Amino acid sequence: MIENDNCCKRIKKRSEKEYKDLQNRLSRIEGQVRGVKKMLENDAYCPEILVQVSAINAALNSFNKVLLAEHIRTCVVNDIQEDKTETIDELVATLQKLMK
């Protein structure tokens, strides 16, 4: 984890593999959203659209799981090793937001 001197936000440098994996997942999700938009434009039947939206939600949840797991393995572990226990509170708050 690296502090950015220009602002108070924290940043994360990702490996090329992690970056590409996350980008690929988001690109697939983008494609799914464009597909649903096209279905709407083509007057697709409601249940067909709903099934596709459900697939998008599942893809977003999968993206979150991958990102969260990597966050715990790297950022959280590193901060705990550096005795930055406030990261635990941040993680708990993040999980609470994800579980709404």
PDB file of N, CA and C in Angstrom:
ATOM      1  N   MET A   1       0.842  -1.165   0.000  1.00  0.00           N
ATOM      2  CA  MET A   1       0.000   0.000   0.000  1.00  0.00           C
ATOM      3  C   MET A   1       0.893   1.236   0.000  1.00  0.00           C
ATOM      4  N   ILE A   2       0.558   2.175  -0.829  1.00  0.00           N
ATOM      5  CA  ILE A   2       1.372   3.377  -0.974  1.00  0.00           C
ATOM      6  C   ILE A   2       0.509   4.593  -0.688  1.00  0.00           C
ATOM      7  N   GLU A   3       1.035   5.494   0.098  1.00  0.00           N
ATOM      8  CA  GLU A   3       0.334   6.748   0.357  1.00  0.00           C
ATOM      9  C   GLU A   3       0.616   7.703  -0.801  1.00  0.00           C
ATOM     10  N   ASN A   4      -0.389   8.399  -1.245  1.00  0.00           N
ATOM     11  CA  ASN A   4      -0.250   9.380  -2.300  1.00  0.00           C
ATOM     12  C   ASN A   4      -0.064  10.735  -1.639  1.00  0.00           C
ATOM     13  N   ASP A   5       1.024  11.420  -1.956  1.00  0.00           N
ATOM     14  CA  ASP A   5       1.327  12.709  -1.338  1.00  0.00           C
ATOM     15  C   ASP A   5       0.366  13.820  -1.763  1.00  0.00           C
ATOM     16  N   ASN A   6      -0.329  13.636  -2.894  1.00  0.00           N
ATOM     17  CA  ASN A   6      -1.175  14.706  -3.428  1.00  0.00           C
ATOM     18  C   ASN A   6      -2.554  14.762  -2.796  1.00  0.00           C
ATOM     19  N   CYS A   7      -2.948  13.719  -2.083  1.00  0.00           N
ATOM     20  CA  CYS A   7      -4.266  13.724  -1.467  1.00  0.00           C
ATOM     21  C   CYS A   7      -4.278  12.736  -0.308  1.00  0.00           C
ATOM     22  N   CYS A   8      -5.419  12.621   0.328  1.00  0.00           N
ATOM     23  CA  CYS A   8      -5.505  11.752   1.489  1.00  0.00           C
ATOM     24  C   CYS A   8      -5.937  10.336   1.135  1.00  0.00           C
ATOM     25  N   LYS A   9      -6.170  10.031  -0.124  1.00  0.00           N
ATOM     26  CA  LYS A   9      -6.620   8.710  -0.554  1.00  0.00           C
ATOM     27  C   LYS A   9      -5.440   7.750  -0.630  1.00  0.00           C
ATOM     28  N   ARG A  10      -5.724   6.497  -0.270  1.00  0.00           N
ATOM     29  CA  ARG A  10      -4.713   5.453  -0.398  1.00  0.00           C
ATOM     30  C   ARG A  10      -4.837   4.843  -1.785  1.00  0.00           C
ATOM     31  N   ILE A  11      -3.743   4.325  -2.304  1.00  0.00           N
ATOM     32  CA  ILE A  11      -3.767   3.672  -3.600  1.00  0.00           C
ATOM     33  C   ILE A  11      -3.163   2.285  -3.473  1.00  0.00           C
ATOM     34  N   LYS A  12      -3.374   1.463  -4.489  1.00  0.00           N
ATOM     35  CA  LYS A  12      -2.849   0.099  -4.496  1.00  0.00           C
ATOM     36  C   LYS A  12      -2.212  -0.166  -5.841  1.00  0.00           C
ATOM     37  N   LYS A  13      -0.944  -0.478  -5.844  1.00  0.00           N
ATOM     38  CA  LYS A  13      -0.265  -0.894  -7.070  1.00  0.00           C
ATOM     39  C   LYS A  13      -0.537  -2.374  -7.252  1.00  0.00           C
ATOM     40  N   ARG A  14      -1.135  -2.738  -8.376  1.00  0.00           N
ATOM     41  CA  ARG A  14      -1.483  -4.126  -8.645  1.00  0.00           C
ATOM     42  C   ARG A  14      -0.475  -4.746  -9.605  1.00  0.00           C
ATOM     43  N   SER A  15      -0.318  -6.047  -9.484  1.00  0.00           N
ATOM     44  CA  SER A  15       0.523  -6.753 -10.445  1.00  0.00           C
ATOM     45  C   SER A  15      -0.156  -6.681 -11.804  1.00  0.00           C
ATOM     46  N   GLU A  16       0.621  -6.893 -12.849  1.00  0.00           N
ATOM     47  CA  GLU A  16       0.058  -6.862 -14.198  1.00  0.00           C
ATOM     48  C   GLU A  16      -1.008  -7.938 -14.360  1.00  0.00           C
ATOM     49  N   LYS A  17      -0.777  -9.117 -13.784  1.00  0.00           N
ATOM     50  CA  LYS A  17      -1.740 -10.217 -13.877  1.00  0.00           C
ATOM     51  C   LYS A  17      -3.051  -9.850 -13.190  1.00  0.00           C
ATOM     52  N   GLU A  18      -2.958  -9.314 -11.961  1.00  0.00           N
ATOM     53  CA  GLU A  18      -4.167  -8.927 -11.234  1.00  0.00           C
ATOM     54  C   GLU A  18      -4.918  -7.844 -12.000  1.00  0.00           C
ATOM     55  N   TYR A  19      -4.193  -6.854 -12.486  1.00  0.00           N
ATOM     56  CA  TYR A  19      -4.802  -5.755 -13.233  1.00  0.00           C
ATOM     57  C   TYR A  19      -5.535  -6.284 -14.466  1.00  0.00           C
ATOM     58  N   LYS A  20      -4.864  -7.138 -15.231  1.00  0.00           N
ATOM     59  CA  LYS A  20      -5.477  -7.678 -16.453  1.00  0.00           C
ATOM     60  C   LYS A  20      -6.703  -8.523 -16.125  1.00  0.00           C
ATOM     61  N   ASP A  21      -6.623  -9.325 -15.075  1.00  0.00           N
ATOM     62  CA  ASP A  21      -7.761 -10.159 -14.683  1.00  0.00           C
ATOM     63  C   ASP A  21      -8.970  -9.294 -14.332  1.00  0.00           C
ATOM     64  N   LEU A  22      -8.746  -8.275 -13.516  1.00  0.00           N
ATOM     65  CA  LEU A  22      -9.845  -7.391 -13.126  1.00  0.00           C
ATOM     66  C   LEU A  22     -10.394  -6.629 -14.328  1.00  0.00           C
ATOM     67  N   GLN A  23      -9.506  -6.154 -15.191  1.00  0.00           N
ATOM     68  CA  GLN A  23      -9.948  -5.440 -16.394  1.00  0.00           C
ATOM     69  C   GLN A  23     -10.777  -6.352 -17.295  1.00  0.00           C
ATOM     70  N   ASN A  24     -10.335  -7.600 -17.452  1.00  0.00           N
ATOM     71  CA  ASN A  24     -11.079  -8.554 -18.291  1.00  0.00           C
ATOM     72  C   ASN A  24     -12.469  -8.815 -17.722  1.00  0.00           C
ATOM     73  N   ARG A  25     -12.550  -8.972 -16.407  1.00  0.00           N
ATOM     74  CA  ARG A  25     -13.846  -9.180 -15.777  1.00  0.00           C
ATOM     75  C   ARG A  25     -14.770  -7.985 -16.023  1.00  0.00           C
ATOM     76  N   LEU A  26     -14.228  -6.780 -15.854  1.00  0.00           N
ATOM     77  CA  LEU A  26     -15.041  -5.586 -16.072  1.00  0.00           C
ATOM     78  C   LEU A  26     -15.453  -5.439 -17.534  1.00  0.00           C
ATOM     79  N   SER A  27     -14.580  -5.809 -18.441  1.00  0.00           N
ATOM     80  CA  SER A  27     -14.926  -5.742 -19.868  1.00  0.00           C
ATOM     81  C   SER A  27     -16.062  -6.699 -20.197  1.00  0.00           C
ATOM     82  N   ARG A  28     -16.035  -7.897 -19.610  1.00  0.00           N
ATOM     83  CA  ARG A  28     -17.128  -8.849 -19.833  1.00  0.00           C
ATOM     84  C   ARG A  28     -18.432  -8.291 -19.262  1.00  0.00           C
ATOM     85  N   ILE A  29     -18.350  -7.684 -18.088  1.00  0.00           N
ATOM     86  CA  ILE A  29     -19.547  -7.099 -17.476  1.00  0.00           C
ATOM     87  C   ILE A  29     -20.082  -5.964 -18.349  1.00  0.00           C
ATOM     88  N   GLU A  30     -19.171  -5.138 -18.854  1.00  0.00           N
ATOM     89  CA  GLU A  30     -19.582  -4.060 -19.768  1.00  0.00           C
ATOM     90  C   GLU A  30     -20.325  -4.627 -20.970  1.00  0.00           C
ATOM     91  N   GLY A  31     -19.793  -5.713 -21.513  1.00  0.00           N
ATOM     92  CA  GLY A  31     -20.438  -6.357 -22.650  1.00  0.00           C
ATOM     93  C   GLY A  31     -21.831  -6.868 -22.301  1.00  0.00           C
ATOM     94  N   GLN A  32     -21.948  -7.428 -21.097  1.00  0.00           N
ATOM     95  CA  GLN A  32     -23.254  -7.903 -20.655  1.00  0.00           C
ATOM     96  C   GLN A  32     -24.244  -6.750 -20.529  1.00  0.00           C
ATOM     97  N   VAL A  33     -23.795  -5.636 -19.986  1.00  0.00           N
ATOM     98  CA  VAL A  33     -24.676  -4.466 -19.832  1.00  0.00           C
ATOM     99  C   VAL A  33     -25.091  -3.938 -21.202  1.00  0.00           C
ATOM    100  N   ARG A  34     -24.148  -3.877 -22.139  1.00  0.00           N
ATOM    101  CA  ARG A  34     -24.503  -3.444 -23.494  1.00  0.00           C
ATOM    102  C   ARG A  34     -25.521  -4.403 -24.108  1.00  0.00           C
ATOM    103  N   GLY A  35     -25.365  -5.693 -23.828  1.00  0.00           N
ATOM    104  CA  GLY A  35     -26.317  -6.681 -24.331  1.00  0.00           C
ATOM    105  C   GLY A  35     -27.711  -6.459 -23.791  1.00  0.00           C
ATOM    106  N   VAL A  36     -27.805  -6.141 -22.506  1.00  0.00           N
ATOM    107  CA  VAL A  36     -29.114  -5.871 -21.908  1.00  0.00           C
ATOM    108  C   VAL A  36     -29.712  -4.603 -22.511  1.00  0.00           C
ATOM    109  N   LYS A  37     -28.887  -3.610 -22.729  1.00  0.00           N
ATOM    110  CA  LYS A  37     -29.375  -2.377 -23.355  1.00  0.00           C
ATOM    111  C   LYS A  37     -29.946  -2.681 -24.739  1.00  0.00           C
ATOM    112  N   LYS A  38     -29.247  -3.524 -25.493  1.00  0.00           N
ATOM    113  CA  LYS A  38     -29.699  -3.913 -26.828  1.00  0.00           C
ATOM    114  C   LYS A  38     -31.000  -4.708 -26.736  1.00  0.00           C
ATOM    115  N   MET A  39     -31.101  -5.580 -25.724  1.00  0.00           N
ATOM    116  CA  MET A  39     -32.337  -6.345 -25.531  1.00  0.00           C
ATOM    117  C   MET A  39     -33.511  -5.392 -25.304  1.00  0.00           C
ATOM    118  N   LEU A  40     -33.278  -4.367 -24.487  1.00  0.00           N
ATOM    119  CA  LEU A  40     -34.322  -3.386 -24.203  1.00  0.00           C
ATOM    120  C   LEU A  40     -34.721  -2.642 -25.481  1.00  0.00           C
ATOM    121  N   GLU A  41     -33.710  -2.238 -26.249  1.00  0.00           N
ATOM    122  CA  GLU A  41     -33.970  -1.528 -27.508  1.00  0.00           C
ATOM    123  C   GLU A  41     -34.760  -2.406 -28.480  1.00  0.00           C
ATOM    124  N   ASN A  42     -34.544  -3.724 -28.403  1.00  0.00           N
ATOM    125  CA  ASN A  42     -35.206  -4.659 -29.315  1.00  0.00           C
ATOM    126  C   ASN A  42     -36.490  -5.244 -28.728  1.00  0.00           C
ATOM    127  N   ASP A  43     -36.978  -4.615 -27.666  1.00  0.00           N
ATOM    128  CA  ASP A  43     -38.236  -5.028 -27.040  1.00  0.00           C
ATOM    129  C   ASP A  43     -38.238  -6.483 -26.574  1.00  0.00           C
ATOM    130  N   ALA A  44     -37.136  -6.913 -25.999  1.00  0.00           N
ATOM    131  CA  ALA A  44     -37.051  -8.291 -25.487  1.00  0.00           C
ATOM    132  C   ALA A  44     -38.068  -8.480 -24.360  1.00  0.00           C
ATOM    133  N   TYR A  45     -38.468  -9.706 -24.186  1.00  0.00           N
ATOM    134  CA  TYR A  45     -39.433 -10.079 -23.151  1.00  0.00           C
ATOM    135  C   TYR A  45     -38.804  -9.875 -21.774  1.00  0.00           C
ATOM    136  N   CYS A  46     -39.573  -9.315 -20.846  1.00  0.00           N
ATOM    137  CA  CYS A  46     -39.069  -8.928 -19.514  1.00  0.00           C
ATOM    138  C   CYS A  46     -38.274 -10.031 -18.807  1.00  0.00           C
ATOM    139  N   PRO A  47     -38.795 -11.265 -18.709  1.00  0.00           N
ATOM    140  CA  PRO A  47     -38.031 -12.294 -17.991  1.00  0.00           C
ATOM    141  C   PRO A  47     -36.655 -12.560 -18.599  1.00  0.00           C
ATOM    142  N   GLU A  48     -36.535 -12.432 -19.917  1.00  0.00           N
ATOM    143  CA  GLU A  48     -35.230 -12.629 -20.551  1.00  0.00           C
ATOM    144  C   GLU A  48     -34.240 -11.550 -20.105  1.00  0.00           C
ATOM    145  N   ILE A  49     -34.718 -10.327 -20.018  1.00  0.00           N
ATOM    146  CA  ILE A  49     -33.869  -9.223 -19.542  1.00  0.00           C
ATOM    147  C   ILE A  49     -33.506  -9.445 -18.078  1.00  0.00           C
ATOM    148  N   LEU A  50     -34.490  -9.826 -17.278  1.00  0.00           N
ATOM    149  CA  LEU A  50     -34.235 -10.051 -15.850  1.00  0.00           C
ATOM    150  C   LEU A  50     -33.179 -11.124 -15.617  1.00  0.00           C
ATOM    151  N   VAL A  51     -33.208 -12.180 -16.411  1.00  0.00           N
ATOM    152  CA  VAL A  51     -32.201 -13.240 -16.279  1.00  0.00           C
ATOM    153  C   VAL A  51     -30.810 -12.693 -16.595  1.00  0.00           C
ATOM    154  N   GLN A  52     -30.718 -11.859 -17.619  1.00  0.00           N
ATOM    155  CA  GLN A  52     -29.426 -11.281 -17.979  1.00  0.00           C
ATOM    156  C   GLN A  52     -28.932 -10.304 -16.909  1.00  0.00           C
ATOM    157  N   VAL A  53     -29.841  -9.538 -16.336  1.00  0.00           N
ATOM    158  CA  VAL A  53     -29.460  -8.622 -15.247  1.00  0.00           C
ATOM    159  C   VAL A  53     -28.976  -9.419 -14.043  1.00  0.00           C
ATOM    160  N   SER A  54     -29.609 -10.536 -13.782  1.00  0.00           N
ATOM    161  CA  SER A  54     -29.166 -11.405 -12.694  1.00  0.00           C
ATOM    162  C   SER A  54     -27.743 -11.916 -12.959  1.00  0.00           C
ATOM    163  N   ALA A  55     -27.453 -12.248 -14.207  1.00  0.00           N
ATOM    164  CA  ALA A  55     -26.103 -12.692 -14.571  1.00  0.00           C
ATOM    165  C   ALA A  55     -25.088 -11.565 -14.361  1.00  0.00           C
ATOM    166  N   ILE A  56     -25.484 -10.342 -14.655  1.00  0.00           N
ATOM    167  CA  ILE A  56     -24.598  -9.186 -14.430  1.00  0.00           C
ATOM    168  C   ILE A  56     -24.333  -9.021 -12.937  1.00  0.00           C
ATOM    169  N   ASN A  57     -25.388  -9.137 -12.129  1.00  0.00           N
ATOM    170  CA  ASN A  57     -25.201  -9.048 -10.676  1.00  0.00           C
ATOM    171  C   ASN A  57     -24.244 -10.123 -10.173  1.00  0.00           C
ATOM    172  N   ALA A  58     -24.376 -11.330 -10.691  1.00  0.00           N
ATOM    173  CA  ALA A  58     -23.488 -12.424 -10.289  1.00  0.00           C
ATOM    174  C   ALA A  58     -22.048 -12.119 -10.705  1.00  0.00           C
ATOM    175  N   ALA A  59     -21.869 -11.559 -11.890  1.00  0.00           N
ATOM    176  CA  ALA A  59     -20.532 -11.209 -12.359  1.00  0.00           C
ATOM    177  C   ALA A  59     -19.918 -10.107 -11.502  1.00  0.00           C
ATOM    178  N   LEU A  60     -20.716  -9.128 -11.114  1.00  0.00           N
ATOM    179  CA  LEU A  60     -20.221  -8.063 -10.230  1.00  0.00           C
ATOM    180  C   LEU A  60     -19.855  -8.624  -8.852  1.00  0.00           C
ATOM    181  N   ASN A  61     -20.683  -9.526  -8.342  1.00  0.00           N
ATOM    182  CA  ASN A  61     -20.368 -10.157  -7.054  1.00  0.00           C
ATOM    183  C   ASN A  61     -19.075 -10.947  -7.142  1.00  0.00           C
ATOM    184  N   SER A  62     -18.874 -11.640  -8.236  1.00  0.00           N
ATOM    185  CA  SER A  62     -17.641 -12.400  -8.442  1.00  0.00           C
ATOM    186  C   SER A  62     -16.432 -11.459  -8.495  1.00  0.00           C
ATOM    187  N   PHE A  63     -16.587 -10.335  -9.187  1.00  0.00           N
ATOM    188  CA  PHE A  63     -15.530  -9.322  -9.244  1.00  0.00           C
ATOM    189  C   PHE A  63     -15.190  -8.856  -7.827  1.00  0.00           C
ATOM    190  N   ASN A  64     -16.223  -8.558  -7.045  1.00  0.00           N
ATOM    191  CA  ASN A  64     -16.009  -8.109  -5.662  1.00  0.00           C
ATOM    192  C   ASN A  64     -15.286  -9.158  -4.834  1.00  0.00           C
ATOM    193  N   LYS A  65     -15.646 -10.431  -4.998  1.00  0.00           N
ATOM    194  CA  LYS A  65     -14.994 -11.498  -4.235  1.00  0.00           C
ATOM    195  C   LYS A  65     -13.509 -11.581  -4.548  1.00  0.00           C
ATOM    196  N   VAL A  66     -13.172 -11.496  -5.839  1.00  0.00           N
ATOM    197  CA  VAL A  66     -11.767 -11.551  -6.243  1.00  0.00           C
ATOM    198  C   VAL A  66     -11.014 -10.351  -5.677  1.00  0.00           C
ATOM    199  N   LEU A  67     -11.589  -9.164  -5.812  1.00  0.00           N
ATOM    200  CA  LEU A  67     -10.937  -7.948  -5.338  1.00  0.00           C
ATOM    201  C   LEU A  67     -10.801  -7.955  -3.811  1.00  0.00           C
ATOM    202  N   LEU A  68     -11.837  -8.391  -3.117  1.00  0.00           N
ATOM    203  CA  LEU A  68     -11.798  -8.452  -1.668  1.00  0.00           C
ATOM    204  C   LEU A  68     -10.750  -9.447  -1.179  1.00  0.00           C
ATOM    205  N   ALA A  69     -10.699 -10.608  -1.798  1.00  0.00           N
ATOM    206  CA  ALA A  69      -9.706 -11.613  -1.403  1.00  0.00           C
ATOM    207  C   ALA A  69      -8.291 -11.076  -1.577  1.00  0.00           C
ATOM    208  N   GLU A  70      -8.045 -10.419  -2.689  1.00  0.00           N
ATOM    209  CA  GLU A  70      -6.713  -9.848  -2.937  1.00  0.00           C
ATOM    210  C   GLU A  70      -6.418  -8.731  -1.937  1.00  0.00           C
ATOM    211  N   HIS A  71      -7.413  -7.938  -1.619  1.00  0.00           N
ATOM    212  CA  HIS A  71      -7.239  -6.866  -0.635  1.00  0.00           C
ATOM    213  C   HIS A  71      -6.831  -7.444   0.723  1.00  0.00           C
ATOM    214  N   ILE A  72      -7.521  -8.492   1.137  1.00  0.00           N
ATOM    215  CA  ILE A  72      -7.201  -9.107   2.433  1.00  0.00           C
ATOM    216  C   ILE A  72      -5.801  -9.699   2.408  1.00  0.00           C
ATOM    217  N   ARG A  73      -5.462 -10.413   1.323  1.00  0.00           N
ATOM    218  CA  ARG A  73      -4.148 -11.069   1.230  1.00  0.00           C
ATOM    219  C   ARG A  73      -2.993 -10.072   1.198  1.00  0.00           C
ATOM    220  N   THR A  74      -3.235  -8.882   0.687  1.00  0.00           N
ATOM    221  CA  THR A  74      -2.133  -7.932   0.522  1.00  0.00           C
ATOM    222  C   THR A  74      -2.262  -6.752   1.486  1.00  0.00           C
ATOM    223  N   CYS A  75      -3.173  -5.864   1.207  1.00  0.00           N
ATOM    224  CA  CYS A  75      -3.297  -4.618   1.976  1.00  0.00           C
ATOM    225  C   CYS A  75      -3.535  -4.878   3.464  1.00  0.00           C
ATOM    226  N   VAL A  76      -4.517  -5.724   3.770  1.00  0.00           N
ATOM    227  CA  VAL A  76      -4.864  -5.960   5.173  1.00  0.00           C
ATOM    228  C   VAL A  76      -3.715  -6.651   5.907  1.00  0.00           C
ATOM    229  N   VAL A  77      -3.158  -7.695   5.306  1.00  0.00           N
ATOM    230  CA  VAL A  77      -2.045  -8.415   5.942  1.00  0.00           C
ATOM    231  C   VAL A  77      -0.863  -7.484   6.156  1.00  0.00           C
ATOM    232  N   ASN A  78      -0.513  -6.705   5.126  1.00  0.00           N
ATOM    233  CA  ASN A  78       0.622  -5.776   5.257  1.00  0.00           C
ATOM    234  C   ASN A  78       0.383  -4.765   6.372  1.00  0.00           C
ATOM    235  N   ASP A  79      -0.823  -4.202   6.430  1.00  0.00           N
ATOM    236  CA  ASP A  79      -1.114  -3.205   7.461  1.00  0.00           C
ATOM    237  C   ASP A  79      -1.075  -3.818   8.861  1.00  0.00           C
ATOM    238  N   ILE A  80      -1.582  -5.026   9.010  1.00  0.00           N
ATOM    239  CA  ILE A  80      -1.548  -5.683  10.322  1.00  0.00           C
ATOM    240  C   ILE A  80      -0.100  -5.939  10.732  1.00  0.00           C
ATOM    241  N   GLN A  81       0.711  -6.375   9.782  1.00  0.00           N
ATOM    242  CA  GLN A  81       2.128  -6.607  10.081  1.00  0.00           C
ATOM    243  C   GLN A  81       2.826  -5.318  10.484  1.00  0.00           C
ATOM    244  N   GLU A  82       2.346  -4.195   9.970  1.00  0.00           N
ATOM    245  CA  GLU A  82       2.897  -2.885  10.319  1.00  0.00           C
ATOM    246  C   GLU A  82       2.164  -2.259  11.510  1.00  0.00           C
ATOM    247  N   ASP A  83       1.349  -3.077  12.192  1.00  0.00           N
ATOM    248  CA  ASP A  83       0.602  -2.663  13.384  1.00  0.00           C
ATOM    249  C   ASP A  83      -0.387  -1.531  13.110  1.00  0.00           C
ATOM    250  N   LYS A  84      -0.926  -1.492  11.900  1.00  0.00           N
ATOM    251  CA  LYS A  84      -1.956  -0.513  11.529  1.00  0.00           C
ATOM    252  C   LYS A  84      -3.313  -1.186  11.688  1.00  0.00           C
ATOM    253  N   THR A  85      -3.737  -1.315  12.920  1.00  0.00           N
ATOM    254  CA  THR A  85      -4.955  -2.074  13.209  1.00  0.00           C
ATOM    255  C   THR A  85      -6.237  -1.358  12.764  1.00  0.00           C
ATOM    256  N   GLU A  86      -6.157  -0.084  12.425  1.00  0.00           N
ATOM    257  CA  GLU A  86      -7.341   0.619  11.925  1.00  0.00           C
ATOM    258  C   GLU A  86      -7.839  -0.002  10.615  1.00  0.00           C
ATOM    259  N   THR A  87      -6.964  -0.739   9.964  1.00  0.00           N
ATOM    260  CA  THR A  87      -7.353  -1.420   8.728  1.00  0.00           C
ATOM    261  C   THR A  87      -8.437  -2.457   8.991  1.00  0.00           C
ATOM    262  N   ILE A  88      -8.439  -3.053  10.176  1.00  0.00           N
ATOM    263  CA  ILE A  88      -9.485  -4.019  10.529  1.00  0.00           C
ATOM    264  C   ILE A  88     -10.845  -3.311  10.558  1.00  0.00           C
ATOM    265  N   ASP A  89     -10.892  -2.144  11.167  1.00  0.00           N
ATOM    266  CA  ASP A  89     -12.143  -1.370  11.199  1.00  0.00           C
ATOM    267  C   ASP A  89     -12.587  -0.999   9.789  1.00  0.00           C
ATOM    268  N   GLU A  90     -11.637  -0.630   8.950  1.00  0.00           N
ATOM    269  CA  GLU A  90     -11.940  -0.293   7.557  1.00  0.00           C
ATOM    270  C   GLU A  90     -12.508  -1.517   6.826  1.00  0.00           C
ATOM    271  N   LEU A  91     -11.904  -2.676   7.050  1.00  0.00           N
ATOM    272  CA  LEU A  91     -12.380  -3.907   6.425  1.00  0.00           C
ATOM    273  C   LEU A  91     -13.785  -4.254   6.893  1.00  0.00           C
ATOM    274  N   VAL A  92     -14.031  -4.139   8.195  1.00  0.00           N
ATOM    275  CA  VAL A  92     -15.358  -4.430   8.742  1.00  0.00           C
ATOM    276  C   VAL A  92     -16.396  -3.484   8.128  1.00  0.00           C
ATOM    277  N   ALA A  93     -16.076  -2.203   8.044  1.00  0.00           N
ATOM    278  CA  ALA A  93     -17.011  -1.239   7.457  1.00  0.00           C
ATOM    279  C   ALA A  93     -17.270  -1.557   5.987  1.00  0.00           C
ATOM    280  N   THR A  94     -16.238  -1.962   5.275  1.00  0.00           N
ATOM    281  CA  THR A  94     -16.390  -2.325   3.864  1.00  0.00           C
ATOM    282  C   THR A  94     -17.295  -3.542   3.731  1.00  0.00           C
ATOM    283  N   LEU A  95     -17.069  -4.560   4.558  1.00  0.00           N
ATOM    284  CA  LEU A  95     -17.898  -5.764   4.510  1.00  0.00           C
ATOM    285  C   LEU A  95     -19.352  -5.446   4.836  1.00  0.00           C
ATOM    286  N   GLN A  96     -19.561  -4.554   5.795  1.00  0.00           N
ATOM    287  CA  GLN A  96     -20.936  -4.170   6.131  1.00  0.00           C
ATOM    288  C   GLN A  96     -21.626  -3.497   4.947  1.00  0.00           C
ATOM    289  N   LYS A  97     -20.893  -2.669   4.210  1.00  0.00           N
ATOM    290  CA  LYS A  97     -21.468  -2.023   3.032  1.00  0.00           C
ATOM    291  C   LYS A  97     -21.766  -3.045   1.935  1.00  0.00           C
ATOM    292  N   LEU A  98     -20.890  -4.027   1.778  1.00  0.00           N
ATOM    293  CA  LEU A  98     -21.082  -5.032   0.747  1.00  0.00           C
ATOM    294  C   LEU A  98     -22.253  -5.956   1.052  1.00  0.00           C
ATOM    295  N   MET A  99     -22.581  -6.111   2.336  1.00  0.00           N
ATOM    296  CA  MET A  99     -23.604  -7.063   2.740  1.00  0.00           C
ATOM    297  C   MET A  99     -24.980  -6.428   2.912  1.00  0.00           C
ATOM    298  N   LYS A 100     -25.155  -5.203   2.459  1.00  0.00           N
ATOM    299  CA  LYS A 100     -26.475  -4.547   2.566  1.00  0.00           C
ATOM    300  C   LYS A 100     -27.492  -5.268   1.743  1.00  0.00           C
TER     301      LYS A 100
END
